[in-house]
Amino acid sequence: MKRALVALCFGLVALGATGKAWAKPTIAVLGLEVVDTGDGVDEKSTKMAKDLTDALRQRAKLGTGPFALAPGSDKDLLEMKLLSACDSEADDCMSAMGQELAADRLLFGNVKKRPNGYQVSLKLLNVDTKKADKTMSDVIPFAQASGADLTRWGKVFYNRLTGATDQGTLVIKANVDRGIVYLDGAVKGNLVGGTARITGLSEGNYQLAIEAEGHLRYEARVSVQAGQDVNHSAELETNALVGRDRASPDSGTSGPGATPGRTVTSGTVSSDENGGGGSRAMFWASLVATGVSGGAMTITGLQVRGSLREDKERAIRAYQMAHPADAERLDTADACSAAGGLPDNKDIIRACEAGKNRAIWTNVLIGTTVVGAAATILFYYKGYVEPRSSVEASGQARRNKRTKPAVSIVPALSPTQVGAGVRIDF
């Protein structure tokens, strides 16, 4: 029995030590001291220091950073200095204050009024080592020294000193098992078992959307706070127009031979069956291809009209000077054709062939640019417009068949002409 009691005592001691090791270190945030810079301490400076202290403590209370706010530590720096008989902010003296407040870290500082705002100097002291973990100094403009702006400054200062994150987490709980979660139109995650957890979000407001098979698209506005987990409950409505392809015992279809089951009501629902993801990807691919083709077309066209034409004219003038007797034979509308029957015509023929080949490439690129532009428009419609369209239906439950536009694009290319035929059947 005695051995059992000794073992139990050792176990309790070990458990207590382990619990202390697991516990989050505490931090005490002392009220900021307003320093007189020669003009006296005004009421606005005092209120600003108090509000900034409250913002620092509120951020520490969240408990999402590396420290937890020490209970009963809401003391002012000046008050603690008087009680501790400290006439300065020396590390030894401040460490004694931290021990008195049962805090592992002590955050304190002062505020000085400057011509361009309030200069805030802060220090994070390790109470055990009596050394500063980090110090900082920054100026808050007068226009941002109150309200939400000052609260934001408090979060920024606290995060900068303690290493806490300024990002938040959105936790979504929905009444569907699976679905796609969007924030501001971008895919951010998936519902698994009715829950999605999206981390690493900057503080601010987001447009939330959830798409799940057999349900209407859910949309809501959510606000994410820095360092916090924001919980949001989403109730998706059943899509009344999504039924079975064939009547079944619980299909709820009405009419001859139908078996009573679910009641199907009419309404307006999203007809986005595939989300347009593939078409959206093709839109961006065709947009890039069209841009590249258009750029190359411009370059080759300028070469045909510019440097290559000058090379041809230069070769013709050189030939006319070297062969005066044959000069008149080149003075025609088509000097390239006339040069074929002349001696020593290699330079002219070479210049003419270069211009002709580049002109063919220009025509080909014109065709690809036209086709690419048409494809870009098509994929934009199918990826961004068509998935968000809606259909109206009422009455009996039946299979909802959509008639999609059939689009055909047939390019017509040749060395002398370019074109494309586009046909859309509705």
Protein backbone atom coordinates (compact mmCIF):
# COMPACT_ATOMS: atom_id res chain seq x y z
CA MET A 1 0.00 0.00 0.00
CA LYS A 2 2.84 2.38 0.92
CA ARG A 3 4.55 1.76 -2.42
CA ALA A 4 1.31 2.41 -4.24
CA LEU A 5 0.85 5.75 -2.48
CA VAL A 6 4.42 6.79 -3.28
CA ALA A 7 3.94 5.85 -6.94
CA LEU A 8 0.67 7.78 -7.03
CA CYS A 9 2.35 10.88 -5.57
CA PHE A 10 5.14 10.69 -8.13
CA GLY A 11 2.53 10.29 -10.86
CA LEU A 12 0.62 13.37 -9.73
CA VAL A 13 3.80 15.42 -9.56
CA ALA A 14 4.80 14.30 -13.06
CA LEU A 15 1.32 15.05 -14.37
CA GLY A 16 1.43 18.53 -12.85
CA ALA A 17 4.84 19.20 -14.38
CA THR A 18 3.67 17.96 -17.76
CA GLY A 19 0.54 20.12 -17.59
CA LYS A 20 2.71 23.15 -16.82
CA ALA A 21 4.97 22.34 -19.75
CA TRP A 22 1.97 22.08 -22.05
CA ALA A 23 0.41 25.29 -20.75
CA LYS A 24 0.86 28.36 -22.93
CA PRO A 25 3.25 30.99 -21.47
CA THR A 26 1.50 34.11 -20.20
CA ILE A 27 1.98 37.74 -21.11
CA ALA A 28 1.13 40.91 -19.20
CA VAL A 29 0.38 44.08 -21.19
CA LEU A 30 0.99 47.19 -19.12
CA GLY A 31 -0.82 50.42 -19.87
CA LEU A 32 1.30 52.62 -22.12
CA GLU A 33 2.86 55.70 -20.53
CA VAL A 34 2.43 59.09 -22.22
CA VAL A 35 5.75 60.97 -22.26
CA ASP A 36 5.75 64.75 -22.04
CA THR A 37 7.85 66.12 -24.89
CA GLY A 38 7.70 69.73 -23.68
CA ASP A 39 4.17 70.79 -24.64
CA GLY A 40 2.45 68.94 -21.81
CA VAL A 41 0.28 65.82 -21.91
CA ASP A 42 -3.06 66.53 -23.58
CA GLU A 43 -6.29 64.59 -23.31
CA LYS A 44 -6.10 63.19 -26.86
CA SER A 45 -2.67 61.66 -26.25
CA THR A 46 -3.87 60.07 -23.01
CA LYS A 47 -6.96 58.59 -24.70
CA MET A 48 -4.90 57.34 -27.64
CA ALA A 49 -2.47 55.54 -25.28
CA LYS A 50 -5.38 53.95 -23.37
CA ASP A 51 -7.16 52.80 -26.55
CA LEU A 52 -3.95 51.35 -27.99
CA THR A 53 -3.34 49.49 -24.72
CA ASP A 54 -6.87 48.04 -24.94
CA ALA A 55 -6.20 46.94 -28.53
CA LEU A 56 -2.99 45.16 -27.48
CA ARG A 57 -4.79 43.39 -24.63
CA GLN A 58 -7.72 42.40 -26.84
CA ARG A 59 -5.32 40.79 -29.31
CA ALA A 60 -3.60 38.93 -26.46
CA LYS A 61 -6.99 37.71 -25.12
CA LEU A 62 -7.68 35.82 -28.34
CA GLY A 63 -5.18 33.19 -27.26
CA THR A 64 -4.31 32.26 -30.87
CA GLY A 65 -0.73 33.51 -30.60
CA PRO A 66 2.20 32.08 -28.65
CA PHE A 67 1.04 33.66 -25.36
CA ALA A 68 -2.06 33.83 -23.17
CA LEU A 69 -2.98 37.03 -21.35
CA ALA A 70 -1.99 36.76 -17.68
CA PRO A 71 -5.05 37.16 -15.39
CA GLY A 72 -5.11 40.33 -13.31
CA SER A 73 -2.36 41.95 -15.34
CA ASP A 74 -4.31 45.01 -16.47
CA LYS A 75 -1.98 47.47 -14.76
CA ASP A 76 -0.48 50.75 -15.96
CA LEU A 77 3.25 51.08 -16.44
CA LEU A 78 3.44 54.25 -14.35
CA GLU A 79 1.42 52.63 -11.55
CA MET A 80 3.68 49.55 -11.45
CA LYS A 81 6.81 51.71 -11.45
CA LEU A 82 5.53 53.61 -8.41
CA LEU A 83 4.51 50.43 -6.54
CA SER A 84 7.82 48.74 -7.31
CA ALA A 85 9.89 51.85 -6.50
CA CYS A 86 11.39 51.78 -10.00
CA ASP A 87 12.46 55.14 -11.36
CA SER A 88 13.42 53.64 -14.73
CA GLU A 89 12.54 50.80 -17.06
CA ALA A 90 15.66 48.76 -16.40
CA ASP A 91 15.37 45.07 -17.25
CA ASP A 92 15.93 43.89 -13.67
CA CYS A 93 13.24 46.16 -12.27
CA MET A 94 10.75 45.34 -15.04
CA SER A 95 11.44 41.62 -14.62
CA ALA A 96 10.47 41.92 -10.94
CA MET A 97 7.18 43.48 -12.03
CA GLY A 98 6.57 40.56 -14.37
CA GLN A 99 7.17 38.06 -11.58
CA GLU A 100 4.75 39.97 -9.37
CA LEU A 101 2.11 39.70 -12.09
CA ALA A 102 2.89 35.96 -12.58
CA ALA A 103 3.70 36.58 -16.25
CA ASP A 104 6.34 34.95 -18.44
CA ARG A 105 6.55 37.95 -20.73
CA LEU A 106 6.01 41.65 -20.06
CA LEU A 107 4.91 44.02 -22.82
CA PHE A 108 5.27 47.72 -22.02
CA GLY A 109 6.19 51.02 -23.64
CA ASN A 110 5.36 54.67 -24.10
CA VAL A 111 3.73 57.17 -26.44
CA LYS A 112 5.25 60.46 -27.57
CA LYS A 113 3.45 63.11 -29.56
CA ARG A 114 5.30 64.12 -32.72
CA PRO A 115 4.50 66.64 -35.49
CA ASN A 116 3.39 63.83 -37.84
CA GLY A 117 1.63 61.58 -35.33
CA TYR A 118 2.19 59.49 -32.20
CA GLN A 119 5.49 57.68 -31.84
CA VAL A 120 4.90 54.33 -30.09
CA SER A 121 7.87 52.50 -28.55
CA LEU A 122 7.24 48.97 -27.26
CA LYS A 123 9.36 46.27 -25.62
CA LEU A 124 8.72 42.56 -25.00
CA LEU A 125 10.72 41.41 -21.95
CA ASN A 126 11.46 37.80 -21.01
CA VAL A 127 10.81 37.79 -17.26
CA ASP A 128 13.00 34.72 -16.56
CA THR A 129 16.06 35.79 -18.53
CA LYS A 130 15.57 39.52 -17.80
CA LYS A 131 16.36 40.26 -21.43
CA ALA A 132 14.29 41.78 -24.20
CA ASP A 133 12.92 39.37 -26.78
CA LYS A 134 12.10 42.19 -29.16
CA THR A 135 11.70 45.98 -29.31
CA MET A 136 10.03 48.22 -31.88
CA SER A 137 9.16 51.84 -32.56
CA ASP A 138 6.70 53.19 -35.10
CA VAL A 139 4.66 56.33 -35.77
CA ILE A 140 0.86 56.22 -35.97
CA PRO A 141 -0.48 59.16 -38.04
CA PHE A 142 -3.01 61.40 -36.32
CA ALA A 143 -5.68 60.36 -38.83
CA GLN A 144 -5.30 56.69 -37.78
CA ALA A 145 -5.05 57.24 -34.01
CA SER A 146 -8.62 56.26 -33.17
CA GLY A 147 -11.38 53.75 -33.87
CA ALA A 148 -10.87 50.76 -36.13
CA ASP A 149 -7.58 52.09 -37.49
CA LEU A 150 -6.04 52.19 -34.01
CA THR A 151 -7.36 48.68 -33.27
CA ARG A 152 -5.63 47.48 -36.43
CA TRP A 153 -2.38 49.14 -35.30
CA GLY A 154 -2.66 47.32 -31.97
CA LYS A 155 -2.94 43.96 -33.75
CA VAL A 156 0.00 44.79 -36.02
CA PHE A 157 2.22 45.81 -33.08
CA TYR A 158 1.30 42.74 -31.01
CA ASN A 159 1.90 40.37 -33.93
CA ARG A 160 5.21 42.05 -34.73
CA LEU A 161 6.49 41.69 -31.18
CA THR A 162 5.20 38.20 -30.34
CA GLY A 163 5.33 36.53 -33.75
CA ALA A 164 1.59 35.89 -33.74
CA THR A 165 -0.03 35.56 -37.15
CA ASP A 166 -2.21 38.29 -38.61
CA GLN A 167 -4.21 35.71 -40.57
CA GLY A 168 -7.49 34.12 -39.64
CA THR A 169 -9.33 30.86 -40.27
CA LEU A 170 -12.83 30.29 -41.65
CA VAL A 171 -14.60 27.14 -40.44
CA ILE A 172 -17.70 26.22 -42.46
CA LYS A 173 -20.31 23.71 -41.35
CA ALA A 174 -22.96 22.87 -43.95
CA ASN A 175 -25.96 20.59 -44.23
CA VAL A 176 -24.35 18.72 -47.16
CA ASP A 177 -21.51 16.22 -47.01
CA ARG A 178 -19.58 17.34 -50.07
CA GLY A 179 -19.26 20.56 -52.01
CA ILE A 180 -16.89 23.17 -53.43
CA VAL A 181 -16.14 26.30 -51.39
CA TYR A 182 -15.41 29.62 -53.14
CA LEU A 183 -14.13 32.88 -51.64
CA ASP A 184 -14.41 35.95 -53.87
CA GLY A 185 -14.95 33.66 -56.86
CA ALA A 186 -11.83 31.52 -56.31
CA VAL A 187 -11.91 27.87 -55.21
CA LYS A 188 -10.55 27.68 -51.66
CA GLY A 189 -11.45 24.19 -50.49
CA ASN A 190 -13.96 21.39 -50.33
CA LEU A 191 -16.60 20.25 -47.88
CA VAL A 192 -15.71 16.88 -46.39
CA GLY A 193 -18.29 15.42 -44.08
CA GLY A 194 -20.10 18.75 -44.11
CA THR A 195 -17.10 20.73 -42.84
CA ALA A 196 -14.43 22.86 -44.50
CA ARG A 197 -11.58 24.67 -42.76
CA ILE A 198 -9.86 27.45 -44.72
CA THR A 199 -6.70 28.81 -43.12
CA GLY A 200 -4.25 31.59 -43.95
CA LEU A 201 -6.88 34.25 -44.72
CA SER A 202 -6.02 37.92 -44.35
CA GLU A 203 -8.32 39.96 -42.19
CA GLY A 204 -11.28 41.37 -44.11
CA ASN A 205 -14.63 40.60 -45.72
CA TYR A 206 -15.11 37.82 -48.27
CA GLN A 207 -17.92 36.69 -50.57
CA LEU A 208 -18.56 33.03 -49.71
CA ALA A 209 -20.18 30.62 -52.15
CA ILE A 210 -20.81 26.87 -51.88
CA GLU A 211 -21.82 24.56 -54.71
CA ALA A 212 -23.05 21.04 -54.02
CA GLU A 213 -24.71 18.51 -56.29
CA GLY A 214 -28.49 18.55 -56.03
CA HIS A 215 -28.58 21.89 -54.19
CA LEU A 216 -28.88 25.55 -55.06
CA ARG A 217 -25.77 27.67 -54.96
CA TYR A 218 -25.25 29.15 -51.49
CA GLU A 219 -23.88 32.67 -51.11
CA ALA A 220 -23.14 34.80 -48.05
CA ARG A 221 -20.83 37.55 -46.84
CA VAL A 222 -18.33 36.55 -44.14
CA SER A 223 -15.87 38.57 -42.08
CA VAL A 224 -12.50 37.12 -41.05
CA GLN A 225 -10.63 38.48 -38.04
CA ALA A 226 -6.86 38.24 -37.62
CA GLY A 227 -5.79 35.36 -35.40
CA GLN A 228 -9.32 34.04 -34.93
CA ASP A 229 -11.36 31.04 -36.02
CA VAL A 230 -14.59 32.32 -37.56
CA ASN A 231 -17.42 29.74 -37.62
CA HIS A 232 -20.09 29.95 -40.31
CA SER A 233 -23.15 27.71 -40.71
CA ALA A 234 -24.45 27.22 -44.25
CA GLU A 235 -27.89 25.82 -45.10
CA LEU A 236 -28.11 24.83 -48.77
CA GLU A 237 -31.57 24.50 -50.31
CA THR A 238 -32.45 21.39 -52.28
CA ASN A 239 -32.60 21.87 -56.02
CA ALA A 240 -36.23 21.02 -56.80
CA LEU A 241 -35.54 20.57 -60.52
CA VAL A 242 -32.85 17.93 -60.10
CA GLY A 243 -34.66 14.61 -60.26
CA ARG A 244 -34.00 11.10 -61.41
CA ASP A 245 -33.72 10.40 -65.11
CA ARG A 246 -36.29 7.66 -64.74
CA ALA A 247 -39.31 7.36 -62.47
CA SER A 248 -38.65 5.28 -59.35
CA PRO A 249 -40.74 4.35 -56.29
CA ASP A 250 -39.61 7.48 -54.45
CA SER A 251 -39.11 9.80 -57.37
CA GLY A 252 -42.25 11.81 -56.67
CA THR A 253 -43.24 12.06 -60.33
CA SER A 254 -46.88 12.65 -61.08
CA GLY A 255 -49.06 11.41 -63.88
CA PRO A 256 -50.13 8.02 -65.16
CA GLY A 257 -48.07 5.22 -63.75
CA ALA A 258 -46.20 7.45 -61.32
CA THR A 259 -45.63 6.33 -57.77
CA PRO A 260 -46.24 8.90 -55.02
CA GLY A 261 -43.07 9.97 -53.25
CA ARG A 262 -41.26 13.23 -52.86
CA THR A 263 -43.11 16.40 -53.70
CA VAL A 264 -41.36 18.39 -56.40
CA THR A 265 -41.96 22.13 -56.42
CA SER A 266 -41.17 24.68 -59.08
CA GLY A 267 -38.59 27.41 -58.84
CA THR A 268 -35.54 29.06 -60.31
CA VAL A 269 -32.32 27.12 -59.92
CA SER A 270 -28.78 27.27 -61.11
CA SER A 271 -28.13 25.15 -64.19
CA ASP A 272 -24.39 24.96 -63.62
CA GLU A 273 -23.84 21.21 -63.91
CA ASN A 274 -20.13 21.17 -64.58
CA GLY A 275 -19.07 24.51 -63.13
CA GLY A 276 -17.42 25.53 -66.40
CA GLY A 277 -13.99 24.64 -65.02
CA GLY A 278 -12.66 23.10 -68.25
CA SER A 279 -14.04 25.90 -70.38
CA ARG A 280 -12.50 28.50 -68.09
CA ALA A 281 -9.11 26.87 -68.46
CA MET A 282 -9.54 26.75 -72.24
CA PHE A 283 -10.57 30.42 -72.22
CA TRP A 284 -7.29 31.48 -70.65
CA ALA A 285 -5.30 29.14 -72.90
CA SER A 286 -6.99 30.46 -76.05
CA LEU A 287 -6.59 34.05 -74.84
CA VAL A 288 -2.84 33.55 -74.46
CA ALA A 289 -2.62 31.77 -77.82
CA THR A 290 -4.56 34.57 -79.51
CA GLY A 291 -2.26 37.17 -77.98
CA VAL A 292 0.86 35.30 -79.14
CA SER A 293 -0.57 34.78 -82.62
CA GLY A 294 -1.64 38.42 -82.89
CA GLY A 295 1.80 39.62 -81.78
CA ALA A 296 3.56 37.37 -84.28
CA MET A 297 1.14 38.49 -87.02
CA THR A 298 1.96 42.12 -86.29
CA ILE A 299 5.71 41.46 -86.41
CA THR A 300 5.64 39.53 -89.70
CA GLY A 301 3.24 42.06 -91.27
CA LEU A 302 5.54 44.94 -90.40
CA GLN A 303 8.47 43.02 -91.86
CA VAL A 304 6.61 42.43 -95.13
CA ARG A 305 5.64 46.10 -95.36
CA GLY A 306 8.95 47.40 -94.09
CA SER A 307 12.40 45.78 -94.09
CA LEU A 308 11.66 42.99 -96.60
CA ARG A 309 10.13 45.43 -99.09
CA GLU A 310 13.16 47.69 -98.74
CA ASP A 311 15.48 44.72 -99.34
CA LYS A 312 13.60 43.88 -102.56
CA GLU A 313 13.68 47.46 -103.82
CA ARG A 314 17.37 47.71 -102.95
CA ALA A 315 18.13 44.53 -104.95
CA ILE A 316 16.16 45.84 -107.95
CA ARG A 317 18.01 49.18 -107.94
CA ALA A 318 21.36 47.40 -107.67
CA TYR A 319 20.49 45.20 -110.64
CA GLN A 320 19.34 48.15 -112.72
CA MET A 321 22.64 49.93 -112.09
CA ALA A 322 24.68 46.81 -112.93
CA HIS A 323 22.62 45.94 -116.04
CA PRO A 324 21.37 49.16 -117.66
CA ALA A 325 20.27 47.26 -120.76
CA ASP A 326 17.80 45.18 -118.76
CA ALA A 327 16.67 48.01 -116.45
CA GLU A 328 13.49 48.68 -118.41
CA ARG A 329 12.42 45.03 -118.11
CA LEU A 330 12.23 45.44 -114.31
CA ASP A 331 10.19 48.62 -114.47
CA THR A 332 6.92 46.73 -114.24
CA ALA A 333 4.21 46.29 -111.66
CA ASP A 334 5.54 42.82 -110.82
CA ALA A 335 9.32 43.07 -110.79
CA CYS A 336 9.67 39.68 -109.10
CA SER A 337 8.03 37.86 -112.03
CA ALA A 338 10.04 39.84 -114.58
CA ALA A 339 13.29 39.02 -112.82
CA GLY A 340 12.80 35.33 -113.51
CA GLY A 341 13.93 35.74 -117.11
CA LEU A 342 16.98 37.89 -116.40
CA PRO A 343 20.57 36.76 -115.87
CA ASP A 344 22.35 37.29 -112.53
CA ASN A 345 18.99 37.64 -110.80
CA LYS A 346 19.78 35.70 -107.58
CA ASP A 347 19.63 38.71 -105.25
CA ILE A 348 16.25 39.84 -106.60
CA ILE A 349 14.81 36.34 -106.50
CA ARG A 350 16.09 35.82 -102.94
CA ALA A 351 14.52 39.10 -101.76
CA CYS A 352 11.24 38.34 -103.52
CA GLU A 353 11.05 34.81 -102.05
CA ALA A 354 11.75 36.12 -98.53
CA GLY A 355 8.93 38.66 -98.79
CA LYS A 356 6.53 36.11 -100.29
CA ASN A 357 7.24 33.49 -97.58
CA ARG A 358 6.81 36.06 -94.83
CA ALA A 359 3.53 37.22 -96.41
CA ILE A 360 2.27 33.61 -96.36
CA TRP A 361 3.14 33.35 -92.66
CA THR A 362 1.34 36.63 -92.03
CA ASN A 363 -1.81 35.30 -93.68
CA VAL A 364 -1.60 32.07 -91.67
CA LEU A 365 -1.19 34.05 -88.43
CA ILE A 366 -4.16 36.23 -89.36
CA GLY A 367 -6.23 33.07 -89.64
CA THR A 368 -5.02 31.61 -86.34
CA THR A 369 -5.65 34.95 -84.62
CA VAL A 370 -9.22 35.06 -85.94
CA VAL A 371 -9.87 31.46 -84.92
CA GLY A 372 -8.24 32.04 -81.53
CA ALA A 373 -10.37 35.13 -80.91
CA ALA A 374 -13.54 33.20 -81.79
CA ALA A 375 -12.50 30.33 -79.50
CA THR A 376 -11.76 32.81 -76.71
CA ILE A 377 -15.25 34.27 -76.98
CA LEU A 378 -16.80 30.80 -77.08
CA PHE A 379 -14.91 29.48 -74.05
CA TYR A 380 -15.59 32.68 -72.12
CA TYR A 381 -19.33 32.20 -72.71
CA LYS A 382 -19.24 28.51 -71.77
CA GLY A 383 -16.98 29.01 -68.74
CA TYR A 384 -18.25 32.24 -67.19
CA VAL A 385 -21.68 33.06 -68.63
CA GLU A 386 -23.47 29.78 -69.34
CA PRO A 387 -22.79 28.07 -65.93
CA ARG A 388 -24.48 30.99 -64.13
CA SER A 389 -27.59 31.11 -66.29
CA SER A 390 -30.87 29.96 -64.77
CA VAL A 391 -33.87 28.07 -66.06
CA GLU A 392 -37.50 28.27 -65.03
CA ALA A 393 -39.63 25.13 -64.65
CA SER A 394 -42.90 24.21 -62.98
CA GLY A 395 -45.59 21.50 -62.92
CA GLN A 396 -44.57 17.89 -63.26
CA ALA A 397 -41.22 16.40 -62.29
CA ARG A 398 -39.40 15.51 -65.46
CA ARG A 399 -35.92 15.34 -66.80
CA ASN A 400 -34.68 18.83 -67.57
CA LYS A 401 -32.88 18.71 -70.89
CA ARG A 402 -31.00 21.84 -71.90
CA THR A 403 -30.40 22.70 -75.50
CA LYS A 404 -26.84 23.88 -75.78
CA PRO A 405 -25.69 26.01 -78.68
CA ALA A 406 -23.75 24.06 -81.26
CA VAL A 407 -20.84 26.16 -82.46
CA SER A 408 -18.68 25.28 -85.45
CA ILE A 409 -15.59 27.23 -86.52
CA VAL A 410 -13.96 26.33 -89.85
CA PRO A 411 -10.86 28.31 -90.88
CA ALA A 412 -10.14 28.98 -94.55
CA LEU A 413 -6.45 29.65 -95.24
CA SER A 414 -4.39 30.07 -98.42
CA PRO A 415 -1.25 32.03 -99.40
CA THR A 416 -3.41 34.88 -100.75
CA GLN A 417 -6.48 34.92 -98.51
CA VAL A 418 -7.63 34.07 -95.03
CA GLY A 419 -11.03 33.61 -93.43
CA ALA A 420 -13.08 31.67 -90.96
CA GLY A 421 -16.64 30.46 -90.87
CA VAL A 422 -18.54 30.51 -87.59
CA ARG A 423 -21.93 28.81 -87.23
CA ILE A 424 -24.04 28.80 -84.04
CA ASP A 425 -27.17 26.65 -83.87
CA PHE A 426 -29.64 27.35 -81.05
